[in-house]
């Protein structure tokens, strides 16, 4: 069931990424089209002024226009990356209310088991009863601490608090973000 959940979440995330990337591609196309139109217009105007300003001034104007266009394009792409991050974070926060969340929480707890020694788990107060049931079901010893700063998932303290294992959806997103950022940026900057 956990594998199905992970597969389902991956499919949902991929569909959302594809949708956002399509929107980004369209936005980039429109920006490039506007920049090209503006460039052509300014090029025509610059051509008329070239007699007065000479070739050097015209080249300066072209370079300034290229720089302005590239700056605007970079700003738009950055806005799209921020939008992807915000939408992904928002969907992650909504996952806590998903009916499959209890099974996912159990998997997150299971992944924090380094060995069967005593572990201290910090969870959102709403998840404490699920975690306590899981602890009893698996005949494990440890302490479950309600921590309202944890939105979803679990933070485990092992080896008498010397090792901290953060196993929350948000932490996983942060770890995966660099890889996702490369994929998204590749599409935006192609």
N, C-alpha and C. Protein backbone atom coordinates (compact mmCIF):
# COMPACT_ATOMS: atom_id res chain seq x y z
N UNK A 1 0.83 -1.20 0.00
CA UNK A 1 0.00 0.00 0.00
C UNK A 1 0.87 1.25 0.00
N UNK A 2 1.99 1.17 0.74
CA UNK A 2 2.88 2.32 0.78
C UNK A 2 3.48 2.57 -0.59
N UNK A 3 3.81 1.49 -1.30
CA UNK A 3 4.34 1.63 -2.65
C UNK A 3 3.33 2.28 -3.58
N UNK A 4 2.07 1.88 -3.42
CA UNK A 4 1.01 2.50 -4.23
C UNK A 4 0.88 3.98 -3.90
N UNK A 5 1.01 4.30 -2.60
CA UNK A 5 0.91 5.70 -2.17
C UNK A 5 2.05 6.51 -2.77
N UNK A 6 3.25 5.98 -2.69
CA UNK A 6 4.40 6.68 -3.25
C UNK A 6 4.22 6.84 -4.75
N UNK A 7 3.76 5.77 -5.43
CA UNK A 7 3.53 5.83 -6.87
C UNK A 7 2.47 6.88 -7.20
N UNK A 8 1.38 6.86 -6.41
CA UNK A 8 0.31 7.83 -6.63
C UNK A 8 0.83 9.26 -6.45
N UNK A 9 1.59 9.50 -5.37
CA UNK A 9 2.13 10.83 -5.11
C UNK A 9 3.09 11.25 -6.21
N UNK A 10 3.91 10.32 -6.69
CA UNK A 10 4.84 10.65 -7.77
C UNK A 10 4.07 11.01 -9.04
N UNK A 11 2.99 10.26 -9.35
CA UNK A 11 2.19 10.55 -10.53
C UNK A 11 1.53 11.92 -10.41
N UNK A 12 0.99 12.21 -9.24
CA UNK A 12 0.35 13.50 -9.01
C UNK A 12 1.37 14.62 -9.14
N UNK A 13 2.54 14.43 -8.53
CA UNK A 13 3.58 15.46 -8.61
C UNK A 13 4.03 15.66 -10.04
N UNK A 14 4.19 14.55 -10.80
CA UNK A 14 4.63 14.66 -12.19
C UNK A 14 3.59 15.41 -13.02
N UNK A 15 2.30 15.10 -12.80
CA UNK A 15 1.24 15.78 -13.54
C UNK A 15 1.26 17.28 -13.21
N UNK A 16 1.44 17.61 -11.95
CA UNK A 16 1.48 19.02 -11.55
C UNK A 16 2.70 19.71 -12.15
N UNK A 17 3.86 19.03 -12.12
CA UNK A 17 5.07 19.61 -12.71
C UNK A 17 4.86 19.85 -14.21
N UNK A 18 4.28 18.85 -14.90
CA UNK A 18 4.06 19.00 -16.34
C UNK A 18 3.14 20.18 -16.64
N UNK A 19 2.08 20.32 -15.85
CA UNK A 19 1.15 21.43 -16.04
C UNK A 19 1.86 22.76 -15.84
N UNK A 20 2.61 22.87 -14.77
CA UNK A 20 3.32 24.11 -14.45
C UNK A 20 4.36 24.40 -15.52
N UNK A 21 5.05 23.36 -15.97
CA UNK A 21 6.08 23.55 -16.99
C UNK A 21 5.47 23.97 -18.32
N UNK A 22 4.28 23.43 -18.66
CA UNK A 22 3.60 23.87 -19.88
C UNK A 22 3.25 25.34 -19.78
N UNK A 23 2.73 25.74 -18.62
CA UNK A 23 2.40 27.14 -18.43
C UNK A 23 3.66 27.99 -18.52
N UNK A 24 4.75 27.50 -17.95
CA UNK A 24 6.01 28.24 -18.00
C UNK A 24 6.50 28.35 -19.44
N UNK A 25 6.43 27.24 -20.19
CA UNK A 25 6.85 27.28 -21.60
C UNK A 25 6.04 28.31 -22.38
N UNK A 26 4.72 28.34 -22.16
CA UNK A 26 3.86 29.30 -22.85
C UNK A 26 4.22 30.72 -22.45
N UNK A 27 4.45 30.93 -21.16
CA UNK A 27 4.83 32.26 -20.69
C UNK A 27 6.16 32.69 -21.28
N UNK A 28 7.12 31.79 -21.34
CA UNK A 28 8.42 32.10 -21.92
C UNK A 28 8.26 32.43 -23.40
N UNK A 29 7.43 31.66 -24.11
CA UNK A 29 7.20 31.91 -25.53
C UNK A 29 6.62 33.31 -25.72
N UNK A 30 5.64 33.68 -24.88
CA UNK A 30 5.03 35.00 -24.99
C UNK A 30 6.04 36.11 -24.69
N UNK A 31 6.86 35.88 -23.68
CA UNK A 31 7.88 36.88 -23.33
C UNK A 31 8.86 37.05 -24.48
N UNK A 32 9.30 35.94 -25.04
CA UNK A 32 10.24 36.01 -26.16
C UNK A 32 9.60 36.70 -27.37
N UNK A 33 8.32 36.42 -27.59
CA UNK A 33 7.62 37.04 -28.70
C UNK A 33 7.52 38.56 -28.48
N UNK A 34 7.18 38.96 -27.26
CA UNK A 34 7.10 40.38 -26.94
C UNK A 34 8.48 41.03 -27.06
N UNK A 35 9.48 40.34 -26.56
CA UNK A 35 10.83 40.89 -26.63
C UNK A 35 11.28 41.02 -28.08
N UNK A 36 10.94 40.05 -28.91
CA UNK A 36 11.32 40.09 -30.32
C UNK A 36 10.62 41.27 -31.01
N UNK A 37 9.31 41.42 -30.73
CA UNK A 37 8.56 42.53 -31.32
C UNK A 37 9.16 43.86 -30.87
N UNK A 38 9.42 43.97 -29.59
CA UNK A 38 10.00 45.20 -29.05
C UNK A 38 11.38 45.43 -29.65
N UNK A 39 12.14 44.36 -29.76
CA UNK A 39 13.49 44.45 -30.33
C UNK A 39 13.43 44.91 -31.78
N UNK A 40 12.50 44.34 -32.54
CA UNK A 40 12.37 44.73 -33.94
C UNK A 40 11.94 46.20 -34.07
N UNK A 41 11.02 46.60 -33.22
CA UNK A 41 10.56 47.98 -33.26
C UNK A 41 11.70 48.92 -32.90
N UNK A 42 12.39 48.60 -31.82
CA UNK A 42 13.49 49.45 -31.40
C UNK A 42 14.65 49.38 -32.39
N UNK A 43 14.80 48.23 -33.03
CA UNK A 43 15.84 48.10 -34.05
C UNK A 43 15.53 49.02 -35.23
N UNK A 44 14.26 49.05 -35.61
CA UNK A 44 13.85 49.93 -36.71
C UNK A 44 14.06 51.40 -36.33
N UNK A 45 13.67 51.74 -35.09
CA UNK A 45 13.89 53.10 -34.62
C UNK A 45 15.38 53.41 -34.53
N UNK A 46 16.13 52.44 -34.07
CA UNK A 46 17.57 52.63 -33.95
C UNK A 46 18.20 52.80 -35.33
N UNK A 47 17.66 52.05 -36.32
CA UNK A 47 18.18 52.18 -37.68
C UNK A 47 18.02 53.59 -38.21
N UNK A 48 16.89 54.21 -37.88
CA UNK A 48 16.64 55.58 -38.32
C UNK A 48 17.59 56.56 -37.61
N UNK A 49 17.91 56.24 -36.38
CA UNK A 49 18.77 57.13 -35.61
C UNK A 49 20.26 56.86 -35.85
N UNK A 50 20.56 55.77 -36.52
CA UNK A 50 21.96 55.40 -36.68
C UNK A 50 22.77 56.43 -37.45
N UNK A 51 22.12 57.12 -38.34
CA UNK A 51 22.82 58.16 -39.09
C UNK A 51 23.33 59.22 -38.12
N UNK A 52 22.49 59.58 -37.15
CA UNK A 52 22.87 60.62 -36.19
C UNK A 52 23.86 60.12 -35.13
N UNK A 53 23.63 58.92 -34.68
CA UNK A 53 24.44 58.44 -33.56
C UNK A 53 25.69 57.66 -33.98
N UNK A 54 25.68 57.16 -35.19
CA UNK A 54 26.83 56.39 -35.65
C UNK A 54 26.75 54.94 -35.18
N UNK A 55 27.60 54.14 -35.70
CA UNK A 55 27.59 52.70 -35.43
C UNK A 55 27.85 52.38 -33.95
N UNK A 56 28.69 53.09 -33.31
CA UNK A 56 29.01 52.81 -31.90
C UNK A 56 27.80 52.98 -31.01
N UNK A 57 27.09 54.04 -31.18
CA UNK A 57 25.90 54.28 -30.37
C UNK A 57 24.83 53.24 -30.65
N UNK A 58 24.68 52.84 -31.88
CA UNK A 58 23.71 51.82 -32.24
C UNK A 58 24.06 50.49 -31.56
N UNK A 59 25.30 50.14 -31.57
CA UNK A 59 25.72 48.88 -30.93
C UNK A 59 25.47 48.93 -29.42
N UNK A 60 25.71 50.06 -28.82
CA UNK A 60 25.42 50.23 -27.39
C UNK A 60 23.93 50.03 -27.13
N UNK A 61 23.11 50.61 -27.98
CA UNK A 61 21.66 50.48 -27.81
C UNK A 61 21.22 49.03 -27.97
N UNK A 62 21.77 48.34 -28.95
CA UNK A 62 21.43 46.92 -29.15
C UNK A 62 21.84 46.09 -27.93
N UNK A 63 23.04 46.33 -27.45
CA UNK A 63 23.50 45.58 -26.28
C UNK A 63 22.64 45.86 -25.05
N UNK A 64 22.26 47.11 -24.88
CA UNK A 64 21.38 47.46 -23.76
C UNK A 64 20.03 46.78 -23.89
N UNK A 65 19.51 46.73 -25.10
CA UNK A 65 18.23 46.08 -25.34
C UNK A 65 18.33 44.58 -25.08
N UNK A 66 19.41 43.97 -25.56
CA UNK A 66 19.61 42.53 -25.30
C UNK A 66 19.68 42.25 -23.80
N UNK A 67 20.43 43.09 -23.10
CA UNK A 67 20.56 42.93 -21.66
C UNK A 67 19.21 43.10 -20.96
N UNK A 68 18.45 44.09 -21.36
CA UNK A 68 17.12 44.32 -20.78
C UNK A 68 16.20 43.13 -21.04
N UNK A 69 16.24 42.61 -22.25
CA UNK A 69 15.40 41.47 -22.61
C UNK A 69 15.79 40.25 -21.80
N UNK A 70 17.08 39.99 -21.70
CA UNK A 70 17.55 38.84 -20.93
C UNK A 70 17.21 38.99 -19.46
N UNK A 71 17.30 40.20 -18.93
CA UNK A 71 16.96 40.45 -17.54
C UNK A 71 15.49 40.18 -17.28
N UNK A 72 14.63 40.66 -18.17
CA UNK A 72 13.19 40.42 -18.02
C UNK A 72 12.86 38.93 -18.12
N UNK A 73 13.51 38.25 -19.03
CA UNK A 73 13.29 36.81 -19.19
C UNK A 73 13.74 36.07 -17.93
N UNK A 74 14.87 36.43 -17.39
CA UNK A 74 15.37 35.80 -16.17
C UNK A 74 14.43 36.05 -15.00
N UNK A 75 13.91 37.27 -14.89
CA UNK A 75 12.95 37.58 -13.83
C UNK A 75 11.70 36.71 -13.96
N UNK A 76 11.20 36.55 -15.18
CA UNK A 76 10.00 35.75 -15.39
C UNK A 76 10.26 34.28 -15.06
N UNK A 77 11.39 33.78 -15.45
CA UNK A 77 11.72 32.39 -15.14
C UNK A 77 11.86 32.19 -13.64
N UNK A 78 12.43 33.16 -12.96
CA UNK A 78 12.57 33.08 -11.51
C UNK A 78 11.20 33.09 -10.85
N UNK A 79 10.29 33.92 -11.38
CA UNK A 79 8.92 33.93 -10.83
C UNK A 79 8.26 32.56 -11.00
N UNK A 80 8.50 31.91 -12.14
CA UNK A 80 7.93 30.59 -12.37
C UNK A 80 8.52 29.57 -11.41
N UNK A 81 9.80 29.62 -11.17
CA UNK A 81 10.42 28.69 -10.21
C UNK A 81 9.86 28.91 -8.81
N UNK A 82 9.67 30.16 -8.43
CA UNK A 82 9.07 30.45 -7.12
C UNK A 82 7.65 29.91 -7.05
N UNK A 83 6.92 30.05 -8.15
CA UNK A 83 5.54 29.56 -8.20
C UNK A 83 5.51 28.03 -8.05
N UNK A 84 6.41 27.35 -8.73
CA UNK A 84 6.49 25.88 -8.62
C UNK A 84 6.75 25.49 -7.17
N UNK A 85 7.70 26.19 -6.53
CA UNK A 85 8.02 25.89 -5.13
C UNK A 85 6.81 26.12 -4.23
N UNK A 86 6.14 27.25 -4.39
CA UNK A 86 5.00 27.57 -3.54
C UNK A 86 3.85 26.57 -3.73
N UNK A 87 3.55 26.24 -4.98
CA UNK A 87 2.46 25.30 -5.25
C UNK A 87 2.79 23.90 -4.74
N UNK A 88 4.03 23.50 -4.89
CA UNK A 88 4.43 22.19 -4.40
C UNK A 88 4.37 22.16 -2.88
N UNK A 89 4.83 23.20 -2.23
CA UNK A 89 4.77 23.28 -0.77
C UNK A 89 3.33 23.25 -0.28
N UNK A 90 2.47 23.98 -0.96
CA UNK A 90 1.06 24.01 -0.57
C UNK A 90 0.41 22.63 -0.71
N UNK A 91 0.72 21.94 -1.80
CA UNK A 91 0.17 20.59 -1.98
C UNK A 91 0.70 19.64 -0.92
N UNK A 92 1.94 19.84 -0.53
CA UNK A 92 2.54 19.00 0.50
C UNK A 92 1.83 19.21 1.83
N UNK A 93 1.50 20.46 2.14
CA UNK A 93 0.80 20.75 3.38
C UNK A 93 -0.61 20.14 3.37
N UNK A 94 -1.23 20.10 2.21
CA UNK A 94 -2.57 19.52 2.10
C UNK A 94 -2.53 18.00 2.23
N UNK A 95 -1.37 17.40 2.01
CA UNK A 95 -1.25 15.94 2.09
C UNK A 95 -1.63 15.42 3.48
N UNK A 96 -1.42 16.23 4.50
CA UNK A 96 -1.72 15.82 5.88
C UNK A 96 -3.19 15.43 6.04
N UNK A 97 -4.08 16.00 5.21
CA UNK A 97 -5.51 15.70 5.31
C UNK A 97 -5.92 14.56 4.37
N UNK A 98 -4.99 14.03 3.63
CA UNK A 98 -5.27 12.94 2.70
C UNK A 98 -5.58 11.66 3.48
N UNK A 99 -6.56 10.87 3.01
CA UNK A 99 -6.90 9.63 3.71
C UNK A 99 -5.74 8.63 3.78
N UNK A 100 -4.78 8.77 2.90
CA UNK A 100 -3.64 7.85 2.90
C UNK A 100 -2.51 8.34 3.81
N UNK A 101 -2.70 9.48 4.45
CA UNK A 101 -1.65 10.02 5.31
C UNK A 101 -1.27 9.09 6.46
N UNK A 102 -2.23 8.44 7.17
CA UNK A 102 -1.82 7.55 8.26
C UNK A 102 -0.85 6.45 7.81
N UNK A 103 -1.09 5.87 6.65
CA UNK A 103 -0.17 4.84 6.15
C UNK A 103 1.19 5.45 5.82
N UNK A 104 1.18 6.64 5.28
CA UNK A 104 2.44 7.32 4.96
C UNK A 104 3.19 7.67 6.25
N UNK A 105 2.47 8.10 7.27
CA UNK A 105 3.10 8.41 8.55
C UNK A 105 3.76 7.17 9.13
N UNK A 106 3.08 6.04 9.06
CA UNK A 106 3.68 4.79 9.54
C UNK A 106 4.97 4.49 8.79
N UNK A 107 4.96 4.70 7.48
CA UNK A 107 6.17 4.47 6.68
C UNK A 107 7.28 5.43 7.10
N UNK A 108 6.94 6.69 7.33
CA UNK A 108 7.94 7.67 7.77
C UNK A 108 8.52 7.28 9.13
N UNK A 109 7.66 6.80 10.04
CA UNK A 109 8.14 6.33 11.34
C UNK A 109 9.08 5.12 11.17
N UNK A 110 8.65 4.18 10.33
CA UNK A 110 9.44 2.97 10.10
C UNK A 110 10.83 3.30 9.57
N UNK A 111 10.90 4.27 8.68
CA UNK A 111 12.17 4.65 8.08
C UNK A 111 13.14 5.28 9.08
N UNK A 112 12.64 5.74 10.23
CA UNK A 112 13.52 6.35 11.22
C UNK A 112 14.15 5.32 12.15
N UNK A 113 13.73 4.07 12.04
CA UNK A 113 14.27 3.04 12.93
C UNK A 113 15.69 2.69 12.49
N UNK A 114 16.65 3.12 13.27
CA UNK A 114 18.04 2.78 13.00
C UNK A 114 18.29 1.37 13.54
N UNK A 115 17.80 1.13 14.69
CA UNK A 115 17.80 -0.20 15.29
C UNK A 115 16.59 -0.22 16.23
N UNK A 116 16.46 -1.21 17.03
CA UNK A 116 15.28 -1.31 17.90
C UNK A 116 15.52 -0.64 19.25
N UNK A 117 16.54 0.18 19.34
CA UNK A 117 16.81 0.86 20.61
C UNK A 117 15.80 1.98 20.83
N UNK A 118 15.91 2.56 21.98
CA UNK A 118 14.97 3.62 22.35
C UNK A 118 15.16 4.85 21.46
N UNK A 119 14.05 5.30 20.94
CA UNK A 119 14.06 6.48 20.06
C UNK A 119 13.03 7.47 20.61
N UNK A 120 13.31 8.73 20.42
CA UNK A 120 12.35 9.78 20.76
C UNK A 120 11.83 10.35 19.45
N UNK A 121 10.50 10.26 19.26
CA UNK A 121 9.88 10.77 18.03
C UNK A 121 9.13 12.05 18.36
N UNK A 122 9.36 13.08 17.57
CA UNK A 122 8.62 14.33 17.69
C UNK A 122 7.67 14.42 16.50
N UNK A 123 6.37 14.61 16.81
CA UNK A 123 5.35 14.66 15.77
C UNK A 123 4.37 15.78 16.06
N UNK A 124 3.60 16.11 15.04
CA UNK A 124 2.51 17.05 15.21
C UNK A 124 1.55 16.46 16.25
N UNK A 125 0.99 17.28 17.14
CA UNK A 125 0.08 16.75 18.16
C UNK A 125 -1.07 15.91 17.59
N UNK A 126 -1.54 16.25 16.39
CA UNK A 126 -2.64 15.48 15.79
C UNK A 126 -2.20 14.08 15.38
N UNK A 127 -0.88 13.83 15.27
CA UNK A 127 -0.37 12.53 14.85
C UNK A 127 0.06 11.64 16.00
N UNK A 128 0.03 12.16 17.22
CA UNK A 128 0.54 11.42 18.38
C UNK A 128 -0.20 10.10 18.58
N UNK A 129 -1.52 10.11 18.52
CA UNK A 129 -2.27 8.87 18.77
C UNK A 129 -1.96 7.82 17.70
N UNK A 130 -1.82 8.24 16.43
CA UNK A 130 -1.45 7.28 15.37
C UNK A 130 -0.08 6.69 15.65
N UNK A 131 0.85 7.53 16.09
CA UNK A 131 2.21 7.05 16.35
C UNK A 131 2.24 6.11 17.55
N UNK A 132 1.46 6.44 18.59
CA UNK A 132 1.42 5.56 19.76
C UNK A 132 0.85 4.19 19.39
N UNK A 133 -0.18 4.16 18.57
CA UNK A 133 -0.75 2.88 18.11
C UNK A 133 0.28 2.09 17.32
N UNK A 134 1.01 2.79 16.45
CA UNK A 134 2.03 2.13 15.64
C UNK A 134 3.13 1.57 16.53
N UNK A 135 3.52 2.31 17.57
CA UNK A 135 4.55 1.88 18.50
C UNK A 135 4.13 0.59 19.21
N UNK A 136 2.90 0.58 19.69
CA UNK A 136 2.39 -0.63 20.38
C UNK A 136 2.29 -1.80 19.43
N UNK A 137 1.75 -1.56 18.22
CA UNK A 137 1.58 -2.62 17.23
C UNK A 137 2.92 -3.27 16.88
N UNK A 138 3.97 -2.49 16.84
CA UNK A 138 5.29 -3.01 16.47
C UNK A 138 6.17 -3.35 17.67
N UNK A 139 5.57 -3.29 18.86
CA UNK A 139 6.25 -3.64 20.10
C UNK A 139 7.59 -2.92 20.22
N UNK A 140 7.55 -1.62 20.04
CA UNK A 140 8.76 -0.80 20.13
C UNK A 140 8.71 0.04 21.39
N UNK A 141 9.89 0.40 21.86
CA UNK A 141 9.99 1.29 23.00
C UNK A 141 10.51 2.63 22.52
N UNK A 142 10.00 3.66 23.11
CA UNK A 142 10.45 4.99 22.75
C UNK A 142 9.48 6.01 23.31
N UNK A 143 9.81 7.23 23.09
CA UNK A 143 8.98 8.31 23.60
C UNK A 143 8.42 9.10 22.43
N UNK A 144 7.15 9.40 22.51
CA UNK A 144 6.50 10.20 21.47
C UNK A 144 6.19 11.56 22.08
N UNK A 145 6.70 12.60 21.41
CA UNK A 145 6.58 13.96 21.92
C UNK A 145 5.75 14.78 20.94
N UNK A 146 4.73 15.43 21.45
CA UNK A 146 3.91 16.32 20.61
C UNK A 146 4.68 17.61 20.37
N UNK A 147 4.82 17.96 19.10
CA UNK A 147 5.58 19.16 18.73
C UNK A 147 4.80 19.90 17.65
N UNK A 148 4.14 21.00 18.00
CA UNK A 148 3.32 21.73 17.01
C UNK A 148 4.14 22.37 15.89
N UNK A 149 5.45 22.43 16.01
CA UNK A 149 6.26 23.01 14.93
C UNK A 149 6.44 22.04 13.77
N UNK A 150 6.08 20.78 13.98
CA UNK A 150 6.17 19.79 12.91
C UNK A 150 4.79 19.69 12.26
N UNK A 151 4.72 20.03 10.97
CA UNK A 151 3.45 20.03 10.27
C UNK A 151 2.99 18.62 9.93
N UNK A 152 3.89 17.80 9.44
CA UNK A 152 3.57 16.43 9.05
C UNK A 152 4.85 15.63 9.13
N UNK A 153 4.72 14.32 9.23
CA UNK A 153 5.90 13.48 9.29
C UNK A 153 6.45 13.40 10.70
N UNK A 154 7.75 13.10 10.79
CA UNK A 154 8.34 12.82 12.09
C UNK A 154 9.79 13.30 12.14
N UNK A 155 10.19 13.71 13.33
CA UNK A 155 11.58 14.02 13.61
C UNK A 155 12.01 13.05 14.70
N UNK A 156 13.00 12.22 14.42
CA UNK A 156 13.43 11.21 15.37
C UNK A 156 14.78 11.60 15.97
N UNK A 157 14.90 11.39 17.26
CA UNK A 157 16.16 11.62 17.96
C UNK A 157 16.67 10.27 18.43
N UNK A 158 17.85 9.87 17.98
CA UNK A 158 18.42 8.58 18.35
C UNK A 158 19.79 8.80 18.98
N UNK A 159 20.31 7.73 19.52
CA UNK A 159 21.61 7.77 20.20
C UNK A 159 21.64 8.89 21.24
N UNK A 160 20.63 8.86 22.10
CA UNK A 160 20.51 9.82 23.21
C UNK A 160 20.51 11.27 22.72
N UNK A 161 19.85 11.48 21.58
CA UNK A 161 19.68 12.83 21.05
C UNK A 161 20.85 13.35 20.23
N UNK A 162 21.87 12.54 20.04
CA UNK A 162 23.04 12.99 19.27
C UNK A 162 22.77 12.97 17.77
N UNK A 163 21.85 12.13 17.33
CA UNK A 163 21.54 12.02 15.91
C UNK A 163 20.07 12.38 15.72
N UNK A 164 19.82 13.27 14.77
CA UNK A 164 18.46 13.70 14.48
C UNK A 164 18.12 13.26 13.06
N UNK A 165 16.99 12.55 12.93
CA UNK A 165 16.55 12.10 11.61
C UNK A 165 15.26 12.85 11.29
N UNK A 166 15.34 13.75 10.34
CA UNK A 166 14.16 14.52 9.92
C UNK A 166 13.52 13.77 8.76
N UNK A 167 12.34 13.25 8.99
CA UNK A 167 11.62 12.50 7.96
C UNK A 167 10.22 13.09 7.81
N UNK A 168 10.21 14.28 7.23
CA UNK A 168 8.95 14.98 7.00
C UNK A 168 8.81 15.22 5.50
N UNK A 169 7.60 15.36 5.02
CA UNK A 169 7.43 15.67 3.59
C UNK A 169 8.17 16.95 3.19
N UNK A 170 8.16 17.95 4.06
CA UNK A 170 8.84 19.21 3.74
C UNK A 170 10.36 18.99 3.62
N UNK A 171 10.94 18.19 4.51
CA UNK A 171 12.37 17.90 4.42
C UNK A 171 12.69 17.14 3.14
N UNK A 172 11.81 16.22 2.78
CA UNK A 172 12.02 15.47 1.54
C UNK A 172 11.94 16.39 0.33
N UNK A 173 11.03 17.34 0.37
CA UNK A 173 10.92 18.31 -0.73
C UNK A 173 12.20 19.13 -0.83
N UNK A 174 12.72 19.58 0.31
CA UNK A 174 13.96 20.36 0.29
C UNK A 174 15.10 19.55 -0.33
N UNK A 175 15.18 18.28 0.02
CA UNK A 175 16.24 17.43 -0.52
C UNK A 175 16.06 17.20 -2.02
N UNK A 176 14.82 17.03 -2.45
CA UNK A 176 14.55 16.75 -3.86
C UNK A 176 14.54 18.03 -4.71
N UNK A 177 14.43 19.20 -4.06
CA UNK A 177 14.26 20.45 -4.80
C UNK A 177 15.41 20.73 -5.76
N UNK A 178 16.63 20.47 -5.35
CA UNK A 178 17.76 20.75 -6.24
C UNK A 178 17.67 19.93 -7.52
N UNK A 179 17.30 18.68 -7.39
CA UNK A 179 17.14 17.84 -8.57
C UNK A 179 15.98 18.33 -9.43
N UNK A 180 14.87 18.66 -8.78
CA UNK A 180 13.71 19.18 -9.51
C UNK A 180 14.04 20.52 -10.16
N UNK A 181 14.80 21.34 -9.46
CA UNK A 181 15.17 22.65 -9.96
C UNK A 181 15.97 22.53 -11.26
N UNK A 182 16.85 21.55 -11.31
CA UNK A 182 17.63 21.33 -12.53
C UNK A 182 16.71 20.97 -13.69
N UNK A 183 15.76 20.08 -13.44
CA UNK A 183 14.83 19.66 -14.49
C UNK A 183 13.96 20.84 -14.96
N UNK A 184 13.42 21.58 -14.03
CA UNK A 184 12.57 22.71 -14.37
C UNK A 184 13.39 23.79 -15.08
N UNK A 185 14.55 24.09 -14.57
CA UNK A 185 15.38 25.12 -15.19
C UNK A 185 15.80 24.73 -16.60
N UNK A 186 16.08 23.47 -16.80
CA UNK A 186 16.45 22.99 -18.14
C UNK A 186 15.33 23.27 -19.13
N UNK A 187 14.09 23.04 -18.70
CA UNK A 187 12.96 23.30 -19.60
C UNK A 187 12.75 24.80 -19.81
N UNK A 188 12.93 25.57 -18.76
CA UNK A 188 12.71 27.01 -18.89
C UNK A 188 13.80 27.70 -19.70
N UNK A 189 15.01 27.19 -19.63
CA UNK A 189 16.13 27.86 -20.29
C UNK A 189 16.53 27.21 -21.61
N UNK A 190 15.69 26.33 -22.12
CA UNK A 190 16.06 25.68 -23.40
C UNK A 190 15.93 26.62 -24.56
